[in-house]
N, C-alpha and C. Protein backbone atom coordinates (compact mmCIF):
# COMPACT_ATOMS: atom_id res chain seq x y z
N UNK A 1 -10.22 -0.35 -5.46
CA UNK A 1 -10.30 0.94 -4.82
C UNK A 1 -10.55 2.02 -5.86
N UNK A 2 -9.64 2.21 -6.80
CA UNK A 2 -9.76 3.29 -7.78
C UNK A 2 -10.35 2.76 -9.06
N UNK A 3 -11.27 3.50 -9.62
CA UNK A 3 -11.91 3.12 -10.88
C UNK A 3 -11.42 3.96 -12.04
N UNK A 4 -10.70 5.03 -11.77
CA UNK A 4 -10.19 5.93 -12.78
C UNK A 4 -9.07 5.24 -13.57
N UNK A 5 -9.20 5.17 -14.87
CA UNK A 5 -8.20 4.51 -15.71
C UNK A 5 -6.81 5.11 -15.57
N UNK A 6 -6.71 6.40 -15.29
CA UNK A 6 -5.40 7.03 -15.17
C UNK A 6 -4.66 6.53 -13.93
N UNK A 7 -5.34 5.89 -13.00
CA UNK A 7 -4.72 5.38 -11.80
C UNK A 7 -4.45 3.89 -11.92
N UNK A 8 -4.63 3.33 -13.08
CA UNK A 8 -4.47 1.90 -13.30
C UNK A 8 -3.02 1.47 -13.08
N UNK A 9 -2.85 0.34 -12.41
CA UNK A 9 -1.54 -0.25 -12.17
C UNK A 9 -1.56 -1.69 -12.66
N UNK A 10 -0.39 -2.28 -12.87
CA UNK A 10 -0.36 -3.70 -13.25
C UNK A 10 -1.08 -4.54 -12.19
N UNK A 11 -1.66 -5.64 -12.64
CA UNK A 11 -2.44 -6.50 -11.74
C UNK A 11 -1.67 -6.93 -10.50
N UNK A 12 -0.40 -7.28 -10.64
CA UNK A 12 0.35 -7.80 -9.49
C UNK A 12 0.58 -6.70 -8.44
N UNK A 13 0.62 -5.44 -8.89
CA UNK A 13 0.76 -4.33 -7.93
C UNK A 13 -0.59 -4.05 -7.28
N UNK A 14 -1.67 -4.14 -8.04
CA UNK A 14 -2.99 -4.02 -7.44
C UNK A 14 -3.22 -5.15 -6.44
N UNK A 15 -2.70 -6.34 -6.74
CA UNK A 15 -2.79 -7.45 -5.79
C UNK A 15 -2.05 -7.11 -4.49
N UNK A 16 -0.91 -6.45 -4.60
CA UNK A 16 -0.16 -6.02 -3.41
C UNK A 16 -1.03 -5.08 -2.58
N UNK A 17 -1.74 -4.18 -3.24
CA UNK A 17 -2.65 -3.27 -2.54
C UNK A 17 -3.73 -4.06 -1.81
N UNK A 18 -4.30 -5.03 -2.49
CA UNK A 18 -5.37 -5.84 -1.89
C UNK A 18 -4.86 -6.62 -0.68
N UNK A 19 -3.61 -7.01 -0.70
CA UNK A 19 -3.01 -7.71 0.43
C UNK A 19 -2.77 -6.74 1.58
N UNK A 20 -2.24 -5.57 1.27
CA UNK A 20 -1.83 -4.62 2.31
C UNK A 20 -2.96 -3.77 2.88
N UNK A 21 -3.87 -3.32 2.06
CA UNK A 21 -4.87 -2.34 2.50
C UNK A 21 -5.64 -2.79 3.75
N UNK A 22 -6.19 -3.99 3.78
CA UNK A 22 -6.94 -4.38 4.99
C UNK A 22 -6.05 -4.45 6.23
N UNK A 23 -4.82 -4.87 6.07
CA UNK A 23 -3.89 -4.96 7.20
C UNK A 23 -3.50 -3.57 7.71
N UNK A 24 -3.27 -2.65 6.78
CA UNK A 24 -2.93 -1.28 7.17
C UNK A 24 -4.11 -0.62 7.86
N UNK A 25 -5.29 -0.76 7.27
CA UNK A 25 -6.49 -0.14 7.85
C UNK A 25 -6.81 -0.72 9.22
N UNK A 26 -6.50 -1.98 9.43
CA UNK A 26 -6.79 -2.62 10.70
C UNK A 26 -5.75 -2.38 11.78
N UNK A 27 -4.66 -1.70 11.43
CA UNK A 27 -3.61 -1.46 12.41
C UNK A 27 -3.77 -0.06 12.99
N UNK A 28 -3.17 0.15 14.13
CA UNK A 28 -3.15 1.48 14.75
C UNK A 28 -2.08 2.33 14.07
N UNK A 29 -2.47 3.28 13.26
CA UNK A 29 -1.51 4.20 12.66
C UNK A 29 -0.70 3.65 11.52
N UNK A 30 -1.15 2.59 10.85
CA UNK A 30 -0.41 2.03 9.72
C UNK A 30 0.81 1.26 10.17
N UNK A 31 1.69 0.92 9.21
CA UNK A 31 2.95 0.30 9.55
C UNK A 31 4.03 0.66 8.56
N UNK A 32 5.27 0.36 8.88
CA UNK A 32 6.42 0.79 8.11
C UNK A 32 6.49 0.09 6.75
N UNK A 33 7.30 0.67 5.86
CA UNK A 33 7.53 0.03 4.56
C UNK A 33 8.18 -1.34 4.75
N UNK A 34 9.10 -1.47 5.71
CA UNK A 34 9.76 -2.75 5.95
C UNK A 34 8.74 -3.81 6.38
N UNK A 35 7.82 -3.44 7.25
CA UNK A 35 6.78 -4.39 7.67
C UNK A 35 5.87 -4.74 6.49
N UNK A 36 5.54 -3.75 5.67
CA UNK A 36 4.70 -4.00 4.49
C UNK A 36 5.41 -4.96 3.54
N UNK A 37 6.68 -4.75 3.32
CA UNK A 37 7.45 -5.66 2.46
C UNK A 37 7.43 -7.08 3.03
N UNK A 38 7.63 -7.22 4.33
CA UNK A 38 7.61 -8.54 4.96
C UNK A 38 6.25 -9.21 4.80
N UNK A 39 5.20 -8.44 4.95
CA UNK A 39 3.85 -8.99 4.80
C UNK A 39 3.58 -9.43 3.36
N UNK A 40 4.05 -8.66 2.40
CA UNK A 40 3.89 -9.07 1.00
C UNK A 40 4.67 -10.35 0.72
N UNK A 41 5.91 -10.40 1.17
CA UNK A 41 6.76 -11.56 0.91
C UNK A 41 6.23 -12.82 1.60
N UNK A 42 5.53 -12.66 2.70
CA UNK A 42 4.98 -13.80 3.43
C UNK A 42 3.68 -14.31 2.81
N UNK A 43 3.08 -13.50 1.93
CA UNK A 43 1.81 -13.88 1.32
C UNK A 43 2.06 -14.83 0.15
N UNK A 44 1.31 -15.91 0.09
CA UNK A 44 1.48 -16.92 -0.96
C UNK A 44 1.21 -16.40 -2.36
N UNK A 45 0.34 -15.41 -2.49
CA UNK A 45 -0.05 -14.91 -3.81
C UNK A 45 0.87 -13.82 -4.34
N UNK A 46 1.94 -13.50 -3.63
CA UNK A 46 2.84 -12.43 -4.06
C UNK A 46 4.20 -13.03 -4.40
N UNK A 47 4.91 -12.46 -5.42
CA UNK A 47 6.25 -12.94 -5.75
C UNK A 47 7.18 -12.89 -4.53
N UNK A 48 8.14 -13.78 -4.49
CA UNK A 48 8.99 -13.90 -3.30
C UNK A 48 10.27 -13.08 -3.35
N UNK A 49 10.37 -12.17 -4.29
CA UNK A 49 11.57 -11.33 -4.42
C UNK A 49 11.40 -10.02 -3.65
N UNK A 50 12.32 -9.71 -2.73
CA UNK A 50 12.23 -8.45 -1.99
C UNK A 50 12.15 -7.22 -2.89
N UNK A 51 12.84 -7.24 -4.01
CA UNK A 51 12.80 -6.09 -4.93
C UNK A 51 11.39 -5.89 -5.48
N UNK A 52 10.64 -6.97 -5.69
CA UNK A 52 9.26 -6.85 -6.16
C UNK A 52 8.38 -6.18 -5.11
N UNK A 53 8.56 -6.55 -3.86
CA UNK A 53 7.78 -5.95 -2.78
C UNK A 53 8.11 -4.47 -2.65
N UNK A 54 9.37 -4.14 -2.69
CA UNK A 54 9.78 -2.74 -2.60
C UNK A 54 9.22 -1.93 -3.76
N UNK A 55 9.31 -2.47 -4.97
CA UNK A 55 8.81 -1.78 -6.16
C UNK A 55 7.29 -1.58 -6.06
N UNK A 56 6.57 -2.61 -5.64
CA UNK A 56 5.11 -2.51 -5.55
C UNK A 56 4.71 -1.41 -4.57
N UNK A 57 5.36 -1.36 -3.43
CA UNK A 57 5.04 -0.33 -2.43
C UNK A 57 5.36 1.06 -2.97
N UNK A 58 6.49 1.20 -3.63
CA UNK A 58 6.84 2.51 -4.21
C UNK A 58 5.83 2.94 -5.26
N UNK A 59 5.39 2.02 -6.10
CA UNK A 59 4.39 2.35 -7.12
C UNK A 59 3.06 2.74 -6.48
N UNK A 60 2.67 2.03 -5.40
CA UNK A 60 1.43 2.37 -4.70
C UNK A 60 1.52 3.75 -4.07
N UNK A 61 2.69 4.09 -3.55
CA UNK A 61 2.90 5.42 -3.00
C UNK A 61 2.90 6.47 -4.11
N UNK A 62 3.65 6.22 -5.18
CA UNK A 62 3.74 7.17 -6.29
C UNK A 62 2.39 7.41 -6.96
N UNK A 63 1.55 6.39 -6.98
CA UNK A 63 0.24 6.50 -7.64
C UNK A 63 -0.84 7.01 -6.72
N UNK A 64 -0.53 7.20 -5.46
CA UNK A 64 -1.49 7.75 -4.53
C UNK A 64 -2.42 6.73 -3.88
N UNK A 65 -2.18 5.46 -4.10
CA UNK A 65 -3.02 4.43 -3.47
C UNK A 65 -2.68 4.32 -1.98
N UNK A 66 -1.42 4.58 -1.65
CA UNK A 66 -0.96 4.64 -0.26
C UNK A 66 -0.28 5.98 -0.06
N UNK A 67 -0.16 6.40 1.18
CA UNK A 67 0.62 7.58 1.52
C UNK A 67 1.34 7.30 2.83
N UNK A 68 2.27 8.18 3.18
CA UNK A 68 3.09 7.97 4.37
C UNK A 68 2.97 9.14 5.34
N UNK A 69 2.83 8.81 6.62
CA UNK A 69 2.81 9.80 7.69
C UNK A 69 3.77 9.30 8.76
N UNK A 70 4.78 10.12 9.07
CA UNK A 70 5.76 9.73 10.10
C UNK A 70 6.30 8.32 9.88
N UNK A 71 6.65 8.01 8.64
CA UNK A 71 7.23 6.73 8.25
C UNK A 71 6.28 5.54 8.41
N UNK A 72 4.98 5.80 8.49
CA UNK A 72 3.98 4.75 8.53
C UNK A 72 3.13 4.82 7.27
N UNK A 73 2.89 3.67 6.65
CA UNK A 73 2.05 3.62 5.46
C UNK A 73 0.59 3.71 5.87
N UNK A 74 -0.17 4.43 5.06
CA UNK A 74 -1.60 4.60 5.28
C UNK A 74 -2.31 4.39 3.94
N UNK A 75 -3.56 3.98 4.02
CA UNK A 75 -4.37 3.78 2.82
C UNK A 75 -5.06 5.08 2.47
N UNK A 76 -4.95 5.50 1.23
CA UNK A 76 -5.63 6.70 0.77
C UNK A 76 -7.12 6.42 0.71
N UNK A 77 -7.88 7.29 1.31
CA UNK A 77 -9.32 7.18 1.34
C UNK A 77 -9.88 8.45 0.75
N UNK A 78 -10.49 8.35 -0.40
CA UNK A 78 -10.98 9.53 -1.08
C UNK A 78 -12.13 10.21 -0.34
N UNK A 79 -12.69 9.54 0.68
CA UNK A 79 -13.82 10.12 1.43
C UNK A 79 -13.38 10.97 2.62
N UNK A 80 -12.06 11.07 2.87
CA UNK A 80 -11.61 11.91 3.99
C UNK A 80 -10.34 12.65 3.60
N UNK A 81 -9.99 13.61 4.39
CA UNK A 81 -8.82 14.45 4.14
C UNK A 81 -7.56 13.71 4.54
N UNK A 82 -6.67 13.43 3.58
CA UNK A 82 -5.43 12.69 3.89
C UNK A 82 -4.38 13.60 4.48
N UNK A 83 -4.64 14.87 4.57
CA UNK A 83 -3.65 15.79 5.12
C UNK A 83 -3.90 16.09 6.60
N UNK A 84 -4.66 15.23 7.29
CA UNK A 84 -4.95 15.50 8.69
C UNK A 84 -3.85 15.02 9.63
N UNK A 85 -2.76 14.44 9.08
CA UNK A 85 -1.62 14.06 9.90
C UNK A 85 -1.72 12.70 10.56
N UNK A 86 -2.74 11.93 10.19
CA UNK A 86 -2.88 10.60 10.78
C UNK A 86 -3.35 9.62 9.70
N UNK A 87 -3.29 8.35 10.04
CA UNK A 87 -3.76 7.31 9.12
C UNK A 87 -5.22 6.99 9.37
């Protein structure tokens, strides 16, 4: 998604993004952090520790790769306004 070096994250967190982004984009209005954690933990390519899933999601939020609207995770899309109140 991001090519800017200042937005670089560890590979395993970028992998979490690659797992979550298509699922979030394909859902109506995103989904909760708890659901995102469950989806990461259920994925074979992601570590099986809940703390890892929580940390990855927090880092994606802190780095701007994901954002939250009404407790639903959304994928940041640089081609549209993320402040429109929806995912």
